[in-house]
PDB file of all heavy atoms in Angstrom:
ATOM      1  N   THR A   1     111.294 106.805 103.619  1.00  0.00           N
ATOM      2  CA  THR A   1     110.832 108.065 103.066  1.00  0.00           C
ATOM      3  C   THR A   1     109.428 107.804 102.462  1.00  0.00           C
ATOM      4  O   THR A   1     109.092 106.661 102.117  1.00  0.00           O
ATOM      5  CB  THR A   1     111.772 108.687 102.055  1.00  0.00           C
ATOM      6  OG1 THR A   1     111.357 110.015 101.733  1.00  0.00           O
ATOM      7  CG2 THR A   1     111.771 107.869 100.782  1.00  0.00           C
ATOM      8  N   GLN A   2     108.683 108.829 102.165  1.00  0.00           N
ATOM      9  CA  GLN A   2     107.271 108.665 101.613  1.00  0.00           C
ATOM     10  C   GLN A   2     107.179 109.567 100.383  1.00  0.00           C
ATOM     11  O   GLN A   2     107.609 110.690 100.424  1.00  0.00           O
ATOM     12  CB  GLN A   2     106.223 109.120 102.632  1.00  0.00           C
ATOM     13  CG  GLN A   2     106.349 108.438 104.018  1.00  0.00           C
ATOM     14  CD  GLN A   2     105.780 109.221 105.091  1.00  0.00           C
ATOM     15  OE1 GLN A   2     104.550 109.373 105.097  1.00  0.00           O
ATOM     16  NE2 GLN A   2     106.590 109.730 106.002  1.00  0.00           N
ATOM     17  N   ASP A   3     106.513 109.043  99.248  1.00  0.00           N
ATOM     18  CA  ASP A   3     106.366 109.866  98.129  1.00  0.00           C
ATOM     19  C   ASP A   3     104.893 110.384  98.043  1.00  0.00           C
ATOM     20  O   ASP A   3     104.083 109.985  98.924  1.00  0.00           O
ATOM     21  CB  ASP A   3     106.712 109.089  96.839  1.00  0.00           C
ATOM     22  CG  ASP A   3     105.871 107.870  96.602  1.00  0.00           C
ATOM     23  OD1 ASP A   3     104.753 107.838  97.089  1.00  0.00           O
ATOM     24  OD2 ASP A   3     106.231 107.102  95.735  1.00  0.00           O
ATOM     25  N   ASP A   4     104.613 111.279  97.176  1.00  0.00           N
ATOM     26  CA  ASP A   4     103.241 111.810  97.095  1.00  0.00           C
ATOM     27  C   ASP A   4     102.209 110.753  96.718  1.00  0.00           C
ATOM     28  O   ASP A   4     101.003 111.045  96.989  1.00  0.00           O
ATOM     29  CB  ASP A   4     103.177 112.940  96.050  1.00  0.00           C
ATOM     30  CG  ASP A   4     103.918 114.285  96.636  1.00  0.00           C
ATOM     31  OD1 ASP A   4     104.356 114.128  97.760  1.00  0.00           O
ATOM     32  OD2 ASP A   4     103.894 115.222  95.869  1.00  0.00           O
ATOM     33  N   ALA A   5     102.577 109.811  96.024  1.00  0.00           N
ATOM     34  CA  ALA A   5     101.553 108.820  95.594  1.00  0.00           C
ATOM     35  C   ALA A   5     101.084 107.846  96.786  1.00  0.00           C
ATOM     36  O   ALA A   5     100.086 107.260  96.668  1.00  0.00           O
ATOM     37  CB  ALA A   5     102.239 107.794  94.516  1.00  0.00           C
ATOM     38  N   GLY A   6     101.822 107.877  97.873  1.00  0.00           N
ATOM     39  CA  GLY A   6     101.475 107.036  98.983  1.00  0.00           C
ATOM     40  C   GLY A   6     102.291 105.780  99.349  1.00  0.00           C
ATOM     41  O   GLY A   6     101.946 105.075 100.199  1.00  0.00           O
ATOM     42  N   TRP A   7     103.336 105.704  98.530  1.00  0.00           N
ATOM     43  CA  TRP A   7     104.182 104.575  98.744  1.00  0.00           C
ATOM     44  C   TRP A   7     105.164 104.933  99.978  1.00  0.00           C
ATOM     45  O   TRP A   7     105.714 106.074 100.008  1.00  0.00           O
ATOM     46  CB  TRP A   7     105.051 104.302  97.532  1.00  0.00           C
ATOM     47  CG  TRP A   7     104.301 103.677  96.377  1.00  0.00           C
ATOM     48  CD1 TRP A   7     103.869 104.253  95.264  1.00  0.00           C
ATOM     49  CD2 TRP A   7     103.948 102.278  96.296  1.00  0.00           C
ATOM     50  NE1 TRP A   7     103.135 103.445  94.394  1.00  0.00           N
ATOM     51  CE2 TRP A   7     103.173 102.189  94.950  1.00  0.00           C
ATOM     52  CE3 TRP A   7     104.103 101.129  96.986  1.00  0.00           C
ATOM     53  CZ2 TRP A   7     102.767 100.963  94.586  1.00  0.00           C
ATOM     54  CZ3 TRP A   7     103.582  99.892  96.576  1.00  0.00           C
ATOM     55  CH2 TRP A   7     102.877  99.837  95.346  1.00  0.00           C
ATOM     56  N   LEU A   8     105.387 104.046 100.821  1.00  0.00           N
ATOM     57  CA  LEU A   8     106.473 104.108 101.799  1.00  0.00           C
ATOM     58  C   LEU A   8     107.638 103.324 101.393  1.00  0.00           C
ATOM     59  O   LEU A   8     107.586 102.131 101.157  1.00  0.00           O
ATOM     60  CB  LEU A   8     106.007 103.576 103.131  1.00  0.00           C
ATOM     61  CG  LEU A   8     106.901 103.683 104.401  1.00  0.00           C
ATOM     62  CD1 LEU A   8     107.212 105.086 104.704  1.00  0.00           C
ATOM     63  CD2 LEU A   8     106.425 102.913 105.571  1.00  0.00           C
ATOM     64  N   TRP A   9     108.824 103.914 101.163  1.00  0.00           N
ATOM     65  CA  TRP A   9     110.019 103.330 100.722  1.00  0.00           C
ATOM     66  C   TRP A   9     111.031 103.221 101.871  1.00  0.00           C
ATOM     67  O   TRP A   9     111.170 104.034 102.749  1.00  0.00           O
ATOM     68  CB  TRP A   9     110.582 104.256  99.622  1.00  0.00           C
ATOM     69  CG  TRP A   9     109.827 104.386  98.349  1.00  0.00           C
ATOM     70  CD1 TRP A   9     108.804 105.434  98.229  1.00  0.00           C
ATOM     71  CD2 TRP A   9     109.814 103.656  97.188  1.00  0.00           C
ATOM     72  NE1 TRP A   9     108.205 105.197  97.006  1.00  0.00           N
ATOM     73  CE2 TRP A   9     108.738 104.186  96.379  1.00  0.00           C
ATOM     74  CE3 TRP A   9     110.469 102.538  96.695  1.00  0.00           C
ATOM     75  CZ2 TRP A   9     108.515 103.786  95.082  1.00  0.00           C
ATOM     76  CZ3 TRP A   9     110.310 102.070  95.455  1.00  0.00           C
ATOM     77  CH2 TRP A   9     109.222 102.567  94.671  1.00  0.00           C
ATOM     78  N   ALA A  10     111.874 102.199 101.846  1.00  0.00           N
ATOM     79  CA  ALA A  10     112.870 101.902 102.825  1.00  0.00           C
ATOM     80  C   ALA A  10     114.018 101.153 102.238  1.00  0.00           C
ATOM     81  O   ALA A  10     113.942 100.554 101.104  1.00  0.00           O
ATOM     82  CB  ALA A  10     112.184 100.988 103.975  1.00  0.00           C
ATOM     83  N   VAL A  11     115.180 101.285 103.031  1.00  0.00           N
ATOM     84  CA  VAL A  11     116.373 100.606 102.594  1.00  0.00           C
ATOM     85  C   VAL A  11     116.736  99.650 103.741  1.00  0.00           C
ATOM     86  O   VAL A  11     116.849  99.967 104.836  1.00  0.00           O
ATOM     87  CB  VAL A  11     117.523 101.527 102.312  1.00  0.00           C
ATOM     88  CG1 VAL A  11     118.799 100.846 101.978  1.00  0.00           C
ATOM     89  CG2 VAL A  11     117.180 102.578 101.138  1.00  0.00           C
ATOM     90  N   ARG A  12     116.959  98.432 103.322  1.00  0.00           N
ATOM     91  CA  ARG A  12     117.357  97.441 104.333  1.00  0.00           C
ATOM     92  C   ARG A  12     118.850  97.181 104.097  1.00  0.00           C
ATOM     93  O   ARG A  12     119.427  97.544 103.006  1.00  0.00           O
ATOM     94  CB  ARG A  12     116.540  96.056 104.060  1.00  0.00           C
ATOM     95  CG  ARG A  12     116.855  94.943 105.204  1.00  0.00           C
ATOM     96  CD  ARG A  12     116.024  93.812 104.934  1.00  0.00           C
ATOM     97  NE  ARG A  12     114.655  93.873 105.386  1.00  0.00           N
ATOM     98  CZ  ARG A  12     113.684  93.130 104.976  1.00  0.00           C
ATOM     99  NH1 ARG A  12     113.849  92.214 104.092  1.00  0.00           N
ATOM    100  NH2 ARG A  12     112.474  93.368 105.479  1.00  0.00           N
ATOM    101  N   GLU A  13     119.541  96.651 105.103  1.00  0.00           N
ATOM    102  CA  GLU A  13     120.904  96.507 104.960  1.00  0.00           C
ATOM    103  C   GLU A  13     121.301  95.701 103.664  1.00  0.00           C
ATOM    104  O   GLU A  13     120.466  94.960 103.232  1.00  0.00           O
ATOM    105  CB  GLU A  13     121.483  95.772 106.151  1.00  0.00           C
ATOM    106  CG  GLU A  13     121.713  96.718 107.316  1.00  0.00           C
ATOM    107  CD  GLU A  13     122.379  96.013 108.526  1.00  0.00           C
ATOM    108  OE1 GLU A  13     121.979  95.004 108.940  1.00  0.00           O
ATOM    109  OE2 GLU A  13     123.415  96.627 109.028  1.00  0.00           O
ATOM    110  N   ALA A  14     122.443  95.902 103.153  1.00  0.00           N
ATOM    111  CA  ALA A  14     122.795  95.372 101.829  1.00  0.00           C
ATOM    112  C   ALA A  14     122.194  96.096 100.640  1.00  0.00           C
ATOM    113  O   ALA A  14     122.055  95.647  99.545  1.00  0.00           O
ATOM    114  CB  ALA A  14     122.610  93.868 101.676  1.00  0.00           C
ATOM    115  N   SER A  15     121.707  97.271 100.993  1.00  0.00           N
ATOM    116  CA  SER A  15     121.187  98.178  99.899  1.00  0.00           C
ATOM    117  C   SER A  15     120.003  97.614  99.159  1.00  0.00           C
ATOM    118  O   SER A  15     119.813  97.723  98.011  1.00  0.00           O
ATOM    119  CB  SER A  15     122.195  98.622  98.929  1.00  0.00           C
ATOM    120  OG  SER A  15     123.271  99.346  99.564  1.00  0.00           O
ATOM    121  N   GLN A  16     119.099  96.864  99.912  1.00  0.00           N
ATOM    122  CA  GLN A  16     117.882  96.357  99.378  1.00  0.00           C
ATOM    123  C   GLN A  16     116.790  97.356  99.471  1.00  0.00           C
ATOM    124  O   GLN A  16     116.541  97.834 100.624  1.00  0.00           O
ATOM    125  CB  GLN A  16     117.550  95.033 100.193  1.00  0.00           C
ATOM    126  CG  GLN A  16     116.376  94.337  99.605  1.00  0.00           C
ATOM    127  CD  GLN A  16     116.002  93.032 100.435  1.00  0.00           C
ATOM    128  OE1 GLN A  16     116.081  93.028 101.664  1.00  0.00           O
ATOM    129  NE2 GLN A  16     115.795  92.000  99.686  1.00  0.00           N
ATOM    130  N   ILE A  17     116.222  97.665  98.355  1.00  0.00           N
ATOM    131  CA  ILE A  17     115.049  98.612  98.320  1.00  0.00           C
ATOM    132  C   ILE A  17     113.757  98.024  98.574  1.00  0.00           C
ATOM    133  O   ILE A  17     113.427  96.971  97.903  1.00  0.00           O
ATOM    134  CB  ILE A  17     115.090  99.337  96.920  1.00  0.00           C
ATOM    135  CG1 ILE A  17     116.437  99.851  96.560  1.00  0.00           C
ATOM    136  CG2 ILE A  17     114.057 100.483  96.955  1.00  0.00           C
ATOM    137  CD1 ILE A  17     116.983 100.877  97.519  1.00  0.00           C
ATOM    138  N   LEU A  18     112.958  98.475  99.576  1.00  0.00           N
ATOM    139  CA  LEU A  18     111.674  97.860  99.918  1.00  0.00           C
ATOM    140  C   LEU A  18     110.655  99.022  99.799  1.00  0.00           C
ATOM    141  O   LEU A  18     110.951 100.160  99.842  1.00  0.00           O
ATOM    142  CB  LEU A  18     111.743  97.398 101.314  1.00  0.00           C
ATOM    143  CG  LEU A  18     112.853  96.427 101.689  1.00  0.00           C
ATOM    144  CD1 LEU A  18     112.815  96.062 103.246  1.00  0.00           C
ATOM    145  CD2 LEU A  18     112.812  95.184 100.872  1.00  0.00           C
ATOM    146  N   ARG A  19     109.374  98.581  99.656  1.00  0.00           N
ATOM    147  CA  ARG A  19     108.233  99.552  99.750  1.00  0.00           C
ATOM    148  C   ARG A  19     107.078  98.844 100.238  1.00  0.00           C
ATOM    149  O   ARG A  19     106.795  97.640 100.172  1.00  0.00           O
ATOM    150  CB  ARG A  19     108.018 100.183  98.349  1.00  0.00           C
ATOM    151  CG  ARG A  19     107.362  99.222  97.376  1.00  0.00           C
ATOM    152  CD  ARG A  19     107.128 100.053  96.001  1.00  0.00           C
ATOM    153  NE  ARG A  19     106.607  99.163  95.020  1.00  0.00           N
ATOM    154  CZ  ARG A  19     106.283  99.535  93.788  1.00  0.00           C
ATOM    155  NH1 ARG A  19     106.543 100.768  93.365  1.00  0.00           N
ATOM    156  NH2 ARG A  19     105.751  98.634  92.937  1.00  0.00           N
ATOM    157  N   ILE A  20     106.248  99.752 100.858  1.00  0.00           N
ATOM    158  CA  ILE A  20     104.875  99.325 101.444  1.00  0.00           C
ATOM    159  C   ILE A  20     103.800 100.171 100.687  1.00  0.00           C
ATOM    160  O   ILE A  20     103.939 101.395 100.554  1.00  0.00           O
ATOM    161  CB  ILE A  20     104.835  99.547 102.926  1.00  0.00           C
ATOM    162  CG1 ILE A  20     105.879  98.640 103.533  1.00  0.00           C
ATOM    163  CG2 ILE A  20     103.441  99.251 103.420  1.00  0.00           C
ATOM    164  CD1 ILE A  20     105.928  98.799 105.120  1.00  0.00           C
ATOM    165  N   ASP A  21     102.745  99.509 100.195  1.00  0.00           N
ATOM    166  CA  ASP A  21     101.625 100.270  99.590  1.00  0.00           C
ATOM    167  C   ASP A  21     100.732 100.845 100.617  1.00  0.00           C
ATOM    168  O   ASP A  21      99.778 100.072 101.070  1.00  0.00           O
ATOM    169  CB  ASP A  21     100.969  99.225  98.609  1.00  0.00           C
ATOM    170  CG  ASP A  21      99.985  99.985  97.773  1.00  0.00           C
ATOM    171  OD1 ASP A  21      99.726 101.238  97.940  1.00  0.00           O
ATOM    172  OD2 ASP A  21      99.358  99.349  96.930  1.00  0.00           O
ATOM    173  N   TRP A  22     100.850 102.098 100.908  1.00  0.00           N
ATOM    174  CA  TRP A  22      99.855 102.748 101.770  1.00  0.00           C
ATOM    175  C   TRP A  22      99.157 103.854 100.948  1.00  0.00           C
ATOM    176  O   TRP A  22      98.772 104.889 101.543  1.00  0.00           O
ATOM    177  CB  TRP A  22     100.686 103.393 103.032  1.00  0.00           C
ATOM    178  CG  TRP A  22     100.963 102.426 104.080  1.00  0.00           C
ATOM    179  CD1 TRP A  22     100.475 101.160 104.170  1.00  0.00           C
ATOM    180  CD2 TRP A  22     101.733 102.627 105.256  1.00  0.00           C
ATOM    181  NE1 TRP A  22     101.017 100.556 105.229  1.00  0.00           N
ATOM    182  CE2 TRP A  22     101.738 101.395 105.973  1.00  0.00           C
ATOM    183  CE3 TRP A  22     102.507 103.641 105.745  1.00  0.00           C
ATOM    184  CZ2 TRP A  22     102.411 101.223 107.184  1.00  0.00           C
ATOM    185  CZ3 TRP A  22     103.149 103.466 106.891  1.00  0.00           C
ATOM    186  CH2 TRP A  22     103.153 102.346 107.664  1.00  0.00           C
ATOM    187  N   ARG A  23      98.963 103.600  99.753  1.00  0.00           N
ATOM    188  CA  ARG A  23      98.199 104.624  98.932  1.00  0.00           C
ATOM    189  C   ARG A  23      96.765 104.796  99.350  1.00  0.00           C
ATOM    190  O   ARG A  23      96.205 105.862  99.197  1.00  0.00           O
ATOM    191  CB  ARG A  23      98.287 104.204  97.399  1.00  0.00           C
ATOM    192  CG  ARG A  23      99.678 104.359  96.810  1.00  0.00           C
ATOM    193  CD  ARG A  23      99.604 103.822  95.463  1.00  0.00           C
ATOM    194  NE  ARG A  23      99.496 102.430  95.391  1.00  0.00           N
ATOM    195  CZ  ARG A  23      99.477 101.633  94.296  1.00  0.00           C
ATOM    196  NH1 ARG A  23      99.622 102.227  93.056  1.00  0.00           N
ATOM    197  NH2 ARG A  23      99.306 100.280  94.337  1.00  0.00           N
ATOM    198  N   GLN A  24      96.190 103.796  99.983  1.00  0.00           N
ATOM    199  CA  GLN A  24      94.878 103.876 100.474  1.00  0.00           C
ATOM    200  C   GLN A  24      94.782 104.144 102.021  1.00  0.00           C
ATOM    201  O   GLN A  24      93.776 103.920 102.633  1.00  0.00           O
ATOM    202  CB  GLN A  24      94.048 102.525 100.189  1.00  0.00           C
ATOM    203  CG  GLN A  24      94.063 102.196  98.651  1.00  0.00           C
ATOM    204  CD  GLN A  24      93.579 103.419  97.822  1.00  0.00           C
ATOM    205  OE1 GLN A  24      92.445 103.934  98.085  1.00  0.00           O
ATOM    206  NE2 GLN A  24      94.125 103.627  96.664  1.00  0.00           N
ATOM    207  N   GLY A  25      95.956 104.458 102.582  1.00  0.00           N
ATOM    208  CA  GLY A  25      95.997 104.637 103.953  1.00  0.00           C
ATOM    209  C   GLY A  25      96.902 103.688 104.671  1.00  0.00           C
ATOM    210  O   GLY A  25      97.273 102.616 104.103  1.00  0.00           O
ATOM    211  N   MET A  26      97.301 103.908 105.949  1.00  0.00           N
ATOM    212  CA  MET A  26      98.133 103.102 106.733  1.00  0.00           C
ATOM    213  C   MET A  26      97.519 101.866 107.115  1.00  0.00           C
ATOM    214  O   MET A  26      96.409 101.887 107.583  1.00  0.00           O
ATOM    215  CB  MET A  26      98.750 103.842 107.904  1.00  0.00           C
ATOM    216  CG  MET A  26      99.944 103.186 108.491  1.00  0.00           C
ATOM    217  SD  MET A  26     100.211 103.657 110.217  1.00  0.00           S
ATOM    218  CE  MET A  26      98.900 102.768 111.041  1.00  0.00           C
ATOM    219  N   ARG A  27      98.168 100.700 106.933  1.00  0.00           N
ATOM    220  CA  ARG A  27      97.739  99.375 107.328  1.00  0.00           C
ATOM    221  C   ARG A  27      98.778  98.602 107.993  1.00  0.00           C
ATOM    222  O   ARG A  27      99.908  98.480 107.391  1.00  0.00           O
ATOM    223  CB  ARG A  27      97.136  98.587 106.186  1.00  0.00           C
ATOM    224  CG  ARG A  27      95.894  99.130 105.448  1.00  0.00           C
ATOM    225  CD  ARG A  27      95.521  98.342 104.215  1.00  0.00           C
ATOM    226  NE  ARG A  27      95.647  96.862 104.501  1.00  0.00           N
ATOM    227  CZ  ARG A  27      95.686  96.024 103.484  1.00  0.00           C
ATOM    228  NH1 ARG A  27      95.742  96.444 102.256  1.00  0.00           N
ATOM    229  NH2 ARG A  27      95.700  94.734 103.811  1.00  0.00           N
ATOM    230  N   PHE A  28      98.608  98.090 109.164  1.00  0.00           N
ATOM    231  CA  PHE A  28      99.613  97.284 109.836  1.00  0.00           C
ATOM    232  C   PHE A  28      99.780  95.954 109.203  1.00  0.00           C
ATOM    233  O   PHE A  28     100.949  95.359 109.344  1.00  0.00           O
ATOM    234  CB  PHE A  28      99.235  97.109 111.420  1.00  0.00           C
ATOM    235  CG  PHE A  28      99.314  98.386 112.181  1.00  0.00           C
ATOM    236  CD1 PHE A  28      98.219  99.038 112.570  1.00  0.00           C
ATOM    237  CD2 PHE A  28     100.588  98.868 112.519  1.00  0.00           C
ATOM    238  CE1 PHE A  28      98.325 100.199 113.355  1.00  0.00           C
ATOM    239  CE2 PHE A  28     100.654  99.928 113.302  1.00  0.00           C
ATOM    240  CZ  PHE A  28      99.602 100.712 113.687  1.00  0.00           C
ATOM    241  N   ASP A  29      98.766  95.459 108.397  1.00  0.00           N
ATOM    242  CA  ASP A  29      99.012  94.110 107.861  1.00  0.00           C
ATOM    243  C   ASP A  29      99.404  94.307 106.420  1.00  0.00           C
ATOM    244  O   ASP A  29      99.315  93.334 105.562  1.00  0.00           O
ATOM    245  CB  ASP A  29      97.682  93.431 107.900  1.00  0.00           C
ATOM    246  CG  ASP A  29      96.555  94.061 107.104  1.00  0.00           C
ATOM    247  OD1 ASP A  29      96.667  95.272 106.776  1.00  0.00           O
ATOM    248  OD2 ASP A  29      95.442  93.486 106.920  1.00  0.00           O
ATOM    249  N   ALA A  30      99.912  95.420 105.994  1.00  0.00           N
ATOM    250  CA  ALA A  30     100.361  95.623 104.581  1.00  0.00           C
ATOM    251  C   ALA A  30     101.541  94.769 104.282  1.00  0.00           C
ATOM    252  O   ALA A  30     102.329  94.467 105.213  1.00  0.00           O
ATOM    253  CB  ALA A  30     100.629  97.102 104.313  1.00  0.00           C
ATOM    254  N   THR A  31     101.561  94.323 103.049  1.00  0.00           N
ATOM    255  CA  THR A  31     102.693  93.481 102.676  1.00  0.00           C
ATOM    256  C   THR A  31     103.864  94.376 102.232  1.00  0.00           C
ATOM    257  O   THR A  31     103.636  95.536 101.764  1.00  0.00           O
ATOM    258  CB  THR A  31     102.384  92.542 101.498  1.00  0.00           C
ATOM    259  OG1 THR A  31     101.921  93.367 100.420  1.00  0.00           O
ATOM    260  CG2 THR A  31     101.244  91.557 101.944  1.00  0.00           C
ATOM    261  N   ILE A  32     105.109  93.878 102.407  1.00  0.00           N
ATOM    262  CA  ILE A  32     106.286  94.652 101.961  1.00  0.00           C
ATOM    263  C   ILE A  32     106.851  93.982 100.638  1.00  0.00           C
ATOM    264  O   ILE A  32     106.944  92.762 100.580  1.00  0.00           O
ATOM    265  CB  ILE A  32     107.361  94.730 103.086  1.00  0.00           C
ATOM    266  CG1 ILE A  32     108.395  95.756 102.736  1.00  0.00           C
ATOM    267  CG2 ILE A  32     107.938  93.407 103.369  1.00  0.00           C
ATOM    268  CD1 ILE A  32     109.222  96.156 103.966  1.00  0.00           C
ATOM    269  N   GLU A  33     107.257  94.857  99.752  1.00  0.00           N
ATOM    270  CA  GLU A  33     107.706  94.366  98.421  1.00  0.00           C
ATOM    271  C   GLU A  33     109.141  94.777  98.269  1.00  0.00           C
ATOM    272  O   GLU A  33     109.475  95.927  98.487  1.00  0.00           O
ATOM    273  CB  GLU A  33     106.798  95.052  97.458  1.00  0.00           C
ATOM    274  CG  GLU A  33     107.300  94.762  95.977  1.00  0.00           C
ATOM    275  CD  GLU A  33     106.338  95.414  94.975  1.00  0.00           C
ATOM    276  OE1 GLU A  33     105.634  96.438  95.348  1.00  0.00           O
ATOM    277  OE2 GLU A  33     106.519  95.241  93.686  1.00  0.00           O
ATOM    278  N   THR A  34     109.966  93.802  97.689  1.00  0.00           N
ATOM    279  CA  THR A  34     111.257  94.123  97.292  1.00  0.00           C
ATOM    280  C   THR A  34     111.351  94.650  95.837  1.00  0.00           C
ATOM    281  O   THR A  34     110.687  94.041  94.959  1.00  0.00           O
ATOM    282  CB  THR A  34     112.118  92.785  97.403  1.00  0.00           C
ATOM    283  OG1 THR A  34     112.183  92.330  98.696  1.00  0.00           O
ATOM    284  CG2 THR A  34     113.587  93.210  96.934  1.00  0.00           C
ATOM    285  N   VAL A  35     111.907  95.763  95.662  1.00  0.00           N
ATOM    286  CA  VAL A  35     111.955  96.479  94.376  1.00  0.00           C
ATOM    287  C   VAL A  35     113.402  96.273  93.791  1.00  0.00           C
ATOM    288  O   VAL A  35     114.312  96.619  94.444  1.00  0.00           O
ATOM    289  CB  VAL A  35     111.528  97.919  94.516  1.00  0.00           C
ATOM    290  CG1 VAL A  35     111.617  98.656  93.122  1.00  0.00           C
ATOM    291  CG2 VAL A  35     110.172  98.047  95.176  1.00  0.00           C
ATOM    292  N   GLY A  36     113.375  95.826  92.547  1.00  0.00           N
ATOM    293  CA  GLY A  36     114.697  95.512  91.996  1.00  0.00           C
ATOM    294  C   GLY A  36     114.669  95.559  90.454  1.00  0.00           C
ATOM    295  O   GLY A  36     114.160  96.453  89.842  1.00  0.00           O
ATOM    296  N   GLY A  37     115.268  94.504  89.838  1.00  0.00           N
ATOM    297  CA  GLY A  37     115.444  94.543  88.424  1.00  0.00           C
ATOM    298  C   GLY A  37     114.207  94.626  87.568  1.00  0.00           C
ATOM    299  O   GLY A  37     114.137  95.256  86.466  1.00  0.00           O
ATOM    300  N   ALA A  38     113.085  94.045  88.109  1.00  0.00           N
ATOM    301  CA  ALA A  38     111.805  94.093  87.295  1.00  0.00           C
ATOM    302  C   ALA A  38     111.288  95.569  87.256  1.00  0.00           C
ATOM    303  O   ALA A  38     110.440  95.881  86.427  1.00  0.00           O
ATOM    304  CB  ALA A  38     110.817  93.257  88.006  1.00  0.00           C
ATOM    305  N   HIS A  39     111.832  96.408  88.080  1.00  0.00           N
ATOM    306  CA  HIS A  39     111.396  97.811  88.104  1.00  0.00           C
ATOM    307  C   HIS A  39     112.479  98.765  87.592  1.00  0.00           C
ATOM    308  O   HIS A  39     112.439  99.957  87.698  1.00  0.00           O
ATOM    309  CB  HIS A  39     111.060  98.279  89.533  1.00  0.00           C
ATOM    310  CG  HIS A  39     109.899  97.531  90.189  1.00  0.00           C
ATOM    311  ND1 HIS A  39     110.127  96.334  90.741  1.00  0.00           N
ATOM    312  CD2 HIS A  39     108.603  97.780  90.146  1.00  0.00           C
ATOM    313  CE1 HIS A  39     108.900  95.881  91.161  1.00  0.00           C
ATOM    314  NE2 HIS A  39     108.025  96.740  90.841  1.00  0.00           N
ATOM    315  N   GLY A  40     113.526  98.141  86.864  1.00  0.00           N
ATOM    316  CA  GLY A  40     114.564  98.931  86.264  1.00  0.00           C
ATOM    317  C   GLY A  40     115.705  99.303  87.188  1.00  0.00           C
ATOM    318  O   GLY A  40     116.531 100.199  86.827  1.00  0.00           O
ATOM    319  N   LEU A  41     115.838  98.672  88.309  1.00  0.00           N
ATOM    320  CA  LEU A  41     116.887  98.987  89.222  1.00  0.00           C
ATOM    321  C   LEU A  41     118.118  98.088  89.105  1.00  0.00           C
ATOM    322  O   LEU A  41     117.897  96.816  88.862  1.00  0.00           O
ATOM    323  CB  LEU A  41     116.477  98.985  90.707  1.00  0.00           C
ATOM    324  CG  LEU A  41     115.542 100.091  91.161  1.00  0.00           C
ATOM    325  CD1 LEU A  41     115.183  99.967  92.614  1.00  0.00           C
ATOM    326  CD2 LEU A  41     116.228 101.461  90.964  1.00  0.00           C
ATOM    327  N   PRO A  42     119.282  98.533  89.275  1.00  0.00           N
ATOM    328  CA  PRO A  42     120.432  97.514  89.303  1.00  0.00           C
ATOM    329  C   PRO A  42     120.501  96.815  90.629  1.00  0.00           C
ATOM    330  O   PRO A  42     119.803  97.172  91.574  1.00  0.00           O
ATOM    331  CB  PRO A  42     121.667  98.532  89.106  1.00  0.00           C
ATOM    332  CG  PRO A  42     121.222  99.753  89.772  1.00  0.00           C
ATOM    333  CD  PRO A  42     119.695  99.846  89.413  1.00  0.00           C
ATOM    334  N   SER A  43     121.298  95.851  90.745  1.00  0.00           N
ATOM    335  CA  SER A  43     121.533  95.143  92.045  1.00  0.00           C
ATOM    336  C   SER A  43     122.623  95.950  92.867  1.00  0.00           C
ATOM    337  O   SER A  43     123.744  95.754  92.625  1.00  0.00           O
ATOM    338  CB  SER A  43     122.023  93.744  91.757  1.00  0.00           C
ATOM    339  OG  SER A  43     122.324  93.112  93.022  1.00  0.00           O
ATOM    340  N   TYR A  44     122.091  96.761  93.746  1.00  0.00           N
ATOM    341  CA  TYR A  44     122.976  97.604  94.535  1.00  0.00           C
ATOM    342  C   TYR A  44     123.796  96.754  95.484  1.00  0.00           C
ATOM    343  O   TYR A  44     125.002  97.085  95.733  1.00  0.00           O
ATOM    344  CB  TYR A  44     122.172  98.577  95.412  1.00  0.00           C
ATOM    345  CG  TYR A  44     121.534  99.640  94.567  1.00  0.00           C
ATOM    346  CD1 TYR A  44     120.131  99.756  94.445  1.00  0.00           C
ATOM    347  CD2 TYR A  44     122.185 100.538  93.806  1.00  0.00           C
ATOM    348  CE1 TYR A  44     119.485 100.713  93.663  1.00  0.00           C
ATOM    349  CE2 TYR A  44     121.603 101.539  92.927  1.00  0.00           C
ATOM    350  CZ  TYR A  44     120.222 101.598  92.984  1.00  0.00           C
ATOM    351  OH  TYR A  44     119.559 102.477  92.192  1.00  0.00           O
TER     352      TYR A  44
END
């Protein structure tokens, strides 16, 4: 899914939350980030 700020969010198996920073537009070489405890999320 995509939010208005330009982040692309995804769920990988085992309920791992991921996101890609496309706030400046789509990039094939964008890095993917795991979002978890440092962002206030529990370990799903």
